[in-house]
Protein backbone atom coordinates (compact mmCIF):
# COMPACT_ATOMS: atom_id res chain seq x y z
CA MET A 1 6.89 4.27 18.43
CA ALA A 2 3.74 6.37 18.55
CA SER A 3 0.03 5.87 18.92
CA VAL A 4 -2.08 8.47 17.11
CA ASP A 5 -5.79 8.99 17.74
CA VAL A 6 -7.53 9.38 14.38
CA GLU A 7 -11.10 9.49 15.70
CA PRO A 8 -12.74 8.79 19.06
CA ASP A 9 -11.75 5.31 20.30
CA VAL A 10 -9.59 4.55 17.26
CA ALA A 11 -5.79 4.88 17.37
CA LEU A 12 -3.18 3.88 14.80
CA HIS A 13 0.23 2.46 15.61
CA VAL A 14 3.15 4.26 13.98
CA GLN A 15 6.70 2.90 13.94
CA ASP A 16 8.92 6.00 13.87
CA VAL A 17 12.71 5.67 13.56
CA GLY A 18 15.65 7.61 12.16
CA ALA A 19 16.11 11.31 11.46
CA GLY A 20 15.91 13.56 8.44
CA ARG A 21 13.27 14.20 5.82
CA PRO A 22 10.32 11.88 6.51
CA VAL A 23 9.36 8.85 4.44
CA VAL A 24 5.96 7.40 5.37
CA LEU A 25 5.22 3.78 4.43
CA LEU A 26 1.77 2.18 4.05
CA ALA A 27 1.61 -1.61 3.76
CA GLY A 28 -0.75 -3.65 1.63
CA PHE A 29 -3.94 -5.53 2.46
CA GLY A 30 -3.73 -7.17 5.89
CA LEU A 31 -0.03 -6.43 6.33
CA ASN A 32 1.66 -4.09 8.78
CA HIS A 33 4.84 -2.17 9.59
CA ALA A 34 6.92 -5.35 9.85
CA VAL A 35 6.77 -5.92 6.08
CA TRP A 36 8.89 -2.78 5.67
CA ASP A 37 11.78 -3.93 7.89
CA GLY A 38 14.32 -4.15 5.07
CA THR A 39 13.17 -0.83 3.63
CA VAL A 40 13.57 0.87 6.99
CA LEU A 41 17.07 -0.57 7.22
CA ALA A 42 17.91 0.88 3.80
CA LEU A 43 16.44 4.34 4.40
CA GLY A 44 16.96 4.78 8.13
CA ALA A 45 20.54 6.05 7.88
CA THR A 46 19.46 9.11 5.90
CA ASN A 47 15.77 9.64 6.60
CA ARG A 48 13.15 9.57 9.30
CA VAL A 49 11.07 6.51 8.37
CA LEU A 50 7.52 6.07 9.66
CA CYS A 51 5.39 2.96 9.07
CA ILE A 52 1.67 3.36 9.70
CA ASP A 53 -0.39 0.29 10.59
CA LEU A 54 -3.69 1.02 8.86
CA ARG A 55 -6.84 0.49 10.89
CA GLY A 56 -7.65 -3.19 11.09
CA THR A 57 -4.00 -4.25 10.85
CA GLY A 58 -0.96 -4.80 13.03
CA ARG A 59 -0.98 -2.96 16.34
CA SER A 60 -3.62 -0.43 15.30
CA ASP A 61 -7.21 -0.59 16.50
CA LYS A 62 -9.58 -2.86 14.59
CA PRO A 63 -13.08 -1.44 14.99
CA ILE A 64 -16.21 -2.74 13.33
CA GLY A 65 -17.36 0.01 11.01
CA ASP A 66 -16.00 2.25 8.29
CA TYR A 67 -13.07 1.03 6.18
CA GLY A 68 -13.93 3.10 3.13
CA MET A 69 -11.34 5.00 1.13
CA GLU A 70 -12.35 8.36 2.58
CA ARG A 71 -11.86 7.03 6.11
CA LEU A 72 -8.56 5.28 5.41
CA ALA A 73 -7.09 8.33 3.69
CA ALA A 74 -8.33 10.59 6.48
CA ASP A 75 -6.55 8.31 8.97
CA VAL A 76 -3.24 8.83 7.16
CA VAL A 77 -3.75 12.60 6.99
CA ALA A 78 -4.55 12.61 10.71
CA VAL A 79 -1.20 10.94 11.44
CA LEU A 80 0.69 13.40 9.22
CA ASP A 81 -1.02 16.29 10.98
CA ALA A 82 -0.61 14.92 14.50
CA LEU A 83 3.13 14.37 13.99
CA ASP A 84 3.46 17.65 12.04
CA LEU A 85 5.22 15.93 9.14
CA GLU A 86 6.22 18.04 6.15
CA ASP A 87 7.99 17.42 2.83
CA VAL A 88 6.99 13.75 3.06
CA THR A 89 7.67 10.97 0.59
CA LEU A 90 4.50 8.88 0.90
CA VAL A 91 4.95 5.25 -0.15
CA GLY A 92 1.93 3.01 -0.66
CA TYR A 93 2.19 -0.70 -1.39
CA SER A 94 -0.69 -2.50 -3.14
CA PHE A 95 -3.90 -1.50 -1.30
CA GLY A 96 -1.78 1.11 0.46
CA GLY A 97 -1.02 2.58 -2.97
CA GLN A 98 -4.67 3.42 -3.51
CA ILE A 99 -4.81 5.12 -0.12
CA ALA A 100 -1.58 7.01 -0.82
CA LEU A 101 -2.87 8.27 -4.17
CA LYS A 102 -6.07 9.45 -2.51
CA VAL A 103 -4.02 11.41 0.03
CA ALA A 104 -1.81 12.89 -2.70
CA ALA A 105 -4.85 14.04 -4.67
CA THR A 106 -6.94 15.45 -1.83
CA ALA A 107 -4.49 16.51 0.92
CA PRO A 108 -1.11 17.12 -0.73
CA LYS A 109 0.16 20.02 1.39
CA ARG A 110 2.46 17.86 3.54
CA LEU A 111 3.80 15.77 0.66
CA ALA A 112 6.87 16.12 -1.57
CA GLN A 113 6.70 12.80 -3.46
CA LEU A 114 4.43 9.80 -4.00
CA VAL A 115 5.59 6.21 -4.55
CA LEU A 116 3.22 3.47 -5.72
CA VAL A 117 4.55 -0.04 -5.16
CA CYS A 118 2.74 -2.86 -6.98
CA SER A 119 -0.24 -0.58 -7.40
CA ASN A 120 -1.87 1.28 -10.26
CA GLY A 121 -3.34 3.61 -7.66
CA VAL A 122 -6.65 4.43 -9.28
CA ARG A 123 -8.25 0.97 -9.27
CA ALA A 124 -7.58 -2.68 -8.42
CA SER A 125 -10.23 -3.97 -10.84
CA ARG A 126 -11.38 -3.13 -14.34
CA SER A 127 -13.85 -0.51 -15.47
CA ASP A 128 -14.82 1.03 -18.81
CA GLU A 129 -12.15 3.70 -18.34
CA PHE A 130 -9.50 1.45 -16.73
CA PRO A 131 -9.62 -1.84 -18.71
CA PHE A 132 -7.17 -3.81 -16.58
CA GLY A 133 -7.56 -6.40 -13.86
CA PRO A 134 -10.48 -8.62 -12.88
CA GLU A 135 -14.18 -7.86 -12.82
CA PRO A 136 -14.84 -6.67 -9.26
CA ALA A 137 -18.17 -8.29 -8.39
CA PRO A 138 -17.37 -12.01 -8.88
CA LEU A 139 -13.93 -11.66 -7.29
CA GLN A 140 -15.33 -9.85 -4.28
CA ALA A 141 -18.05 -12.46 -3.81
CA ALA A 142 -15.49 -15.27 -3.98
CA LEU A 143 -13.14 -13.57 -1.52
CA VAL A 144 -15.89 -12.79 0.98
CA ASN A 145 -17.25 -16.34 0.82
CA ALA A 146 -13.77 -17.79 1.26
CA GLU A 147 -13.10 -15.47 4.22
CA ARG A 148 -16.23 -16.76 5.91
CA GLU A 149 -15.82 -20.43 5.09
CA ARG A 150 -12.05 -21.07 4.83
CA ARG A 151 -10.36 -18.07 6.41
CA VAL A 152 -6.93 -19.49 7.28
CA ALA A 153 -6.49 -21.47 4.06
CA THR A 154 -7.67 -18.55 1.96
CA ARG A 155 -5.30 -16.06 3.55
CA ARG A 156 -2.41 -18.47 2.98
CA ARG A 157 -3.37 -19.08 -0.63
CA THR A 158 -3.72 -15.35 -1.24
CA VAL A 159 -0.20 -14.69 0.00
CA VAL A 160 1.55 -17.55 -1.81
CA SER A 161 -0.21 -16.89 -5.11
CA ALA A 162 1.09 -13.31 -5.20
CA PHE A 163 4.72 -14.37 -5.56
CA ALA A 164 6.21 -14.97 -9.01
CA SER A 165 7.71 -18.23 -7.72
CA GLU A 166 7.33 -20.38 -4.61
CA PRO A 167 8.41 -18.29 -1.58
CA ASP A 168 10.57 -19.47 1.28
CA ALA A 169 8.42 -21.41 3.75
CA GLY A 170 9.49 -19.28 6.71
CA LEU A 171 8.68 -16.05 4.87
CA LEU A 172 5.31 -17.41 3.82
CA ASP A 173 4.38 -18.41 7.37
CA TRP A 174 5.45 -15.00 8.67
CA LEU A 175 3.36 -13.11 6.11
CA VAL A 176 0.34 -15.32 6.77
CA ARG A 177 0.59 -14.58 10.49
CA GLN A 178 0.51 -10.88 9.69
CA GLN A 179 -2.53 -11.40 7.47
CA LEU A 180 -4.39 -13.32 10.16
CA ASP A 181 -3.98 -10.41 12.57
CA MET A 182 -6.54 -8.64 10.38
CA PRO A 183 -9.99 -9.74 11.58
CA SER A 184 -12.69 -10.86 9.17
CA TRP A 185 -14.85 -7.77 9.68
CA ALA A 186 -11.97 -5.56 8.58
CA ALA A 187 -11.00 -7.86 5.70
CA VAL A 188 -14.51 -8.04 4.24
CA ALA A 189 -14.88 -4.26 4.44
CA CYS A 190 -11.46 -3.70 2.86
CA TYR A 191 -12.17 -6.14 0.02
CA ASP A 192 -15.07 -3.89 -0.91
CA THR A 193 -12.91 -0.76 -0.76
CA TYR A 194 -9.98 -2.35 -2.59
CA LEU A 195 -12.04 -3.70 -5.48
CA ASN A 196 -14.63 -0.94 -5.92
CA THR A 197 -12.77 2.30 -5.28
CA ASP A 198 -12.37 4.40 -8.42
CA LEU A 199 -9.87 7.26 -8.24
CA VAL A 200 -9.44 7.86 -11.98
CA GLY A 201 -11.14 11.24 -11.73
CA LEU A 202 -8.56 12.43 -9.20
CA LEU A 203 -5.52 11.98 -11.46
CA PRO A 204 -5.42 15.63 -12.66
CA ARG A 205 -5.02 16.65 -9.02
CA VAL A 206 -1.86 14.55 -8.52
CA THR A 207 0.84 17.03 -9.54
CA LEU A 208 3.78 16.03 -7.32
CA PRO A 209 6.53 13.67 -8.57
CA VAL A 210 5.41 10.03 -8.66
CA LEU A 211 7.50 6.87 -8.82
CA GLN A 212 5.70 3.65 -9.73
CA ILE A 213 7.47 0.35 -9.04
CA ILE A 214 5.93 -2.81 -10.45
CA GLY A 215 6.90 -6.43 -10.94
CA THR A 216 6.57 -7.66 -14.50
CA GLU A 217 5.22 -10.99 -13.22
CA ASP A 218 2.86 -9.56 -10.61
CA PRO A 219 -0.28 -11.75 -10.56
CA VAL A 220 -2.21 -9.25 -8.41
CA THR A 221 -1.60 -5.81 -9.93
CA VAL A 222 -1.76 -5.90 -13.71
CA ALA A 223 1.53 -4.56 -15.07
CA GLU A 224 -0.18 -3.46 -18.30
CA GLY A 225 -2.05 -0.83 -16.30
CA ALA A 226 1.16 0.97 -15.35
CA PRO A 227 1.82 2.66 -18.75
CA TRP A 228 -1.84 3.76 -18.80
CA LEU A 229 -1.31 5.47 -15.43
CA GLN A 230 2.04 6.98 -16.41
CA GLU A 231 0.49 8.74 -19.39
CA ARG A 232 -2.04 10.46 -17.13
CA LEU A 233 0.23 11.74 -14.38
CA ALA A 234 1.88 15.15 -14.51
CA ASP A 235 5.32 14.05 -13.31
CA ALA A 236 5.86 10.30 -13.25
CA ARG A 237 8.36 7.57 -13.88
CA LEU A 238 8.07 3.80 -13.95
CA VAL A 239 10.47 1.13 -12.72
CA ALA A 240 9.52 -2.39 -13.85
CA ILE A 241 11.42 -5.16 -12.08
CA GLU A 242 11.81 -8.14 -14.38
CA GLY A 243 10.61 -11.51 -13.10
CA CYS A 244 9.23 -10.04 -9.89
CA GLY A 245 5.79 -10.71 -8.46
CA HIS A 246 3.78 -8.74 -5.89
CA TYR A 247 6.44 -8.66 -3.15
CA PRO A 248 9.45 -6.73 -4.52
CA MET A 249 10.77 -5.96 -1.03
CA PHE A 250 11.38 -9.73 -0.71
CA GLU A 251 11.63 -11.00 -4.30
CA ALA A 252 13.96 -8.29 -5.62
CA ARG A 253 15.19 -6.37 -2.59
CA ALA A 254 18.33 -4.88 -4.19
CA GLU A 255 16.48 -3.51 -7.23
CA PHE A 256 13.59 -2.30 -5.11
CA ASP A 257 15.82 -0.51 -2.59
CA GLU A 258 17.88 1.08 -5.34
CA ALA A 259 14.80 2.50 -7.09
CA LEU A 260 13.18 3.78 -3.91
CA MET A 261 16.32 5.24 -2.34
CA GLY A 262 17.31 7.01 -5.54
CA PHE A 263 13.91 8.65 -5.84
CA VAL A 264 13.81 9.66 -2.16
CA ALA A 265 17.29 11.20 -2.45
CA GLU A 266 16.11 13.48 -5.27
CA ALA A 267 13.87 15.38 -2.85
CA GLY A 268 16.78 16.02 -0.48
């Protein structure tokens, strides 16, 4: 385990296990390194696997302040630099996929591959150029109001609604506990970043190999946006897992592990 200072008085927790070429994993909104347990088990025999708790989540610091995309991406770059990681496969899940794409576009020197899991990378809401997903303003207003008025119930509903079918009760409770570790000030700030960040203009700068893994029944990340993204990346492939929702590491673990491990192995 490591603790990496990314700015004065802010440190990120990094789970660091295994040996070999590094794979760095970023979890989704409110989640932390624990969500990657099965993935670490699959990759740990052949690779060094590092899971970064983003600021506001898990065992990382949770300051009041900046949770914008520039800051979150800079945090990840700071970890890569501090640990002197090279030839990295950077994996971003959901909100983490946006952050990973930002890193790949603006600070690619330490990266070999990019993996987007249940993420279209460039946006989580619709725009004139990216016509997929919800309108950002009303959804953000609803989420912020619910966070303030019905925090626990809202976090639980958010998790359960992202599965393609009813999840196991124990798994649901465990994921909700992770979510509730993220304080409201971080959640409200990250809702704004998640729904309003636009990285479409950075796509020409993403030139490394990209694997995109989506669930065909994902109610959070619109699967129809994936072909749009694939057409605009220099070197990309898409794996669509049939019948899977927003949690492929739990809903379709075998298919997810096979796709990820095969891609990671291609880089040596």
